[in-house]
């Protein structure tokens, strides 16, 4: 996934947040999603996501789902909120299973989350 699409980049930033992995400093960036230019913050995919993809990612996600999801700190929730509520210029939600599935069927589950 060296040439990850923008949807993939943003979803993996949320995975890094949940796993308390580092992210790049916040700077503005525009993404091409739903055939629109969507302003948001710069992703950390290139700098920090490679190690997630090299390891047992599925096992880590399952372990998190079964054992750690109820221990998410308030700070992590605050950091996730902009990703989970980001919208395209036309008002469509970007962090949805449907949008993720358009990028990759494997991403659909990663974009499935309970409402805040």
Protein backbone atom coordinates (compact mmCIF):
# COMPACT_ATOMS: atom_id res chain seq x y z
CA UNK A 1 0.00 0.00 0.00
CA UNK A 2 2.78 2.44 -0.82
CA UNK A 3 0.42 4.48 -2.98
CA UNK A 4 -2.45 4.46 -0.53
CA UNK A 5 -5.52 6.43 -1.49
CA UNK A 6 -6.50 9.34 0.71
CA UNK A 7 -9.28 7.41 2.45
CA UNK A 8 -6.77 4.76 3.51
CA UNK A 9 -4.39 7.39 4.82
CA UNK A 10 -6.98 8.97 7.10
CA UNK A 11 -8.36 5.68 8.39
CA UNK A 12 -4.91 4.47 9.34
CA UNK A 13 -4.30 7.69 11.26
CA UNK A 14 -7.26 6.71 13.45
CA UNK A 15 -5.79 3.23 13.91
CA UNK A 16 -2.50 4.82 14.99
CA UNK A 17 -4.40 7.00 17.46
CA UNK A 18 -6.17 3.98 18.96
CA UNK A 19 -2.88 2.10 19.31
CA UNK A 20 -1.25 5.23 20.80
CA UNK A 21 1.27 5.34 17.96
CA UNK A 22 2.93 8.62 16.94
CA UNK A 23 1.56 10.96 14.30
CA UNK A 24 3.17 13.83 12.40
CA UNK A 25 2.61 17.40 13.63
CA UNK A 26 -0.66 18.96 12.47
CA UNK A 27 -0.45 20.83 9.19
CA UNK A 28 -3.18 21.49 6.59
CA UNK A 29 -3.65 19.23 3.59
CA UNK A 30 -6.33 18.62 0.98
CA UNK A 31 -7.54 15.12 0.07
CA UNK A 32 -9.37 13.82 -2.96
CA UNK A 33 -12.36 11.91 -1.60
CA UNK A 34 -15.83 11.39 -3.08
CA UNK A 35 -14.55 13.18 -6.20
CA UNK A 36 -14.05 16.39 -4.20
CA UNK A 37 -11.12 18.27 -2.73
CA UNK A 38 -11.57 17.90 1.02
CA UNK A 39 -9.47 20.09 3.32
CA UNK A 40 -8.26 18.43 6.52
CA UNK A 41 -4.98 17.83 8.35
CA UNK A 42 -1.92 16.12 6.92
CA UNK A 43 -1.86 12.36 7.45
CA UNK A 44 0.99 10.37 8.99
CA UNK A 45 0.69 7.36 6.70
CA UNK A 46 4.12 7.54 5.08
CA UNK A 47 6.01 8.19 8.30
CA UNK A 48 4.20 5.95 10.78
CA UNK A 49 1.86 3.40 9.22
CA UNK A 50 4.35 1.06 7.55
CA UNK A 51 5.17 -0.75 10.77
CA UNK A 52 1.45 -1.38 11.39
CA UNK A 53 1.13 -3.10 8.03
CA UNK A 54 4.24 -5.24 8.51
CA UNK A 55 3.11 -6.78 11.78
CA UNK A 56 0.11 -8.85 12.77
CA UNK A 57 -2.37 -6.01 12.22
CA UNK A 58 -5.49 -8.16 12.18
CA UNK A 59 -4.54 -9.80 15.47
CA UNK A 60 -3.84 -6.41 17.05
CA UNK A 61 -7.22 -5.12 15.87
CA UNK A 62 -9.04 -8.17 17.20
CA UNK A 63 -7.24 -7.91 20.54
CA UNK A 64 -8.11 -4.22 20.75
CA UNK A 65 -11.76 -4.95 19.93
CA UNK A 66 -12.03 -7.72 22.52
CA UNK A 67 -9.89 -6.34 25.35
CA UNK A 68 -9.03 -2.66 25.04
CA UNK A 69 -11.86 -0.78 23.34
CA UNK A 70 -13.51 0.12 26.66
CA UNK A 71 -10.27 1.69 27.92
CA UNK A 72 -9.98 4.49 25.36
CA UNK A 73 -8.99 7.67 27.18
CA UNK A 74 -10.85 10.96 26.91
CA UNK A 75 -7.77 12.46 25.25
CA UNK A 76 -7.80 9.78 22.53
CA UNK A 77 -11.51 10.38 21.97
CA UNK A 78 -10.81 14.10 21.53
CA UNK A 79 -8.05 13.32 19.02
CA UNK A 80 -10.31 10.93 17.07
CA UNK A 81 -13.29 13.27 16.91
CA UNK A 82 -12.12 15.39 13.93
CA UNK A 83 -11.50 12.23 11.88
CA UNK A 84 -14.85 10.70 12.74
CA UNK A 85 -16.83 13.84 11.96
CA UNK A 86 -14.97 15.19 8.92
CA UNK A 87 -17.22 16.11 6.00
CA UNK A 88 -16.71 16.78 2.31
CA UNK A 89 -17.45 20.31 1.06
CA UNK A 90 -20.92 19.13 -0.02
CA UNK A 91 -21.69 17.93 3.54
CA UNK A 92 -21.23 14.18 3.05
CA UNK A 93 -19.57 12.32 5.91
CA UNK A 94 -16.15 10.99 4.92
CA UNK A 95 -15.48 8.52 7.74
CA UNK A 96 -18.14 5.96 6.85
CA UNK A 97 -17.99 2.28 5.94
CA UNK A 98 -19.40 3.08 2.49
CA UNK A 99 -16.68 5.61 1.66
CA UNK A 100 -14.00 3.27 3.03
CA UNK A 101 -15.33 0.37 0.98
CA UNK A 102 -15.05 2.52 -2.18
CA UNK A 103 -11.32 2.72 -1.50
CA UNK A 104 -10.85 -0.89 -0.38
CA UNK A 105 -13.20 -3.61 0.83
CA UNK A 106 -10.73 -4.37 3.62
CA UNK A 107 -11.11 -0.82 4.99
CA UNK A 108 -14.86 -1.03 5.49
CA UNK A 109 -14.54 -2.62 8.93
CA UNK A 110 -11.96 -0.09 10.06
CA UNK A 111 -14.39 2.74 9.35
CA UNK A 112 -17.22 1.10 11.28
CA UNK A 113 -17.47 2.75 14.65
CA UNK A 114 -20.17 3.53 17.18
CA UNK A 115 -21.49 7.10 17.16
CA UNK A 116 -19.77 9.58 19.48
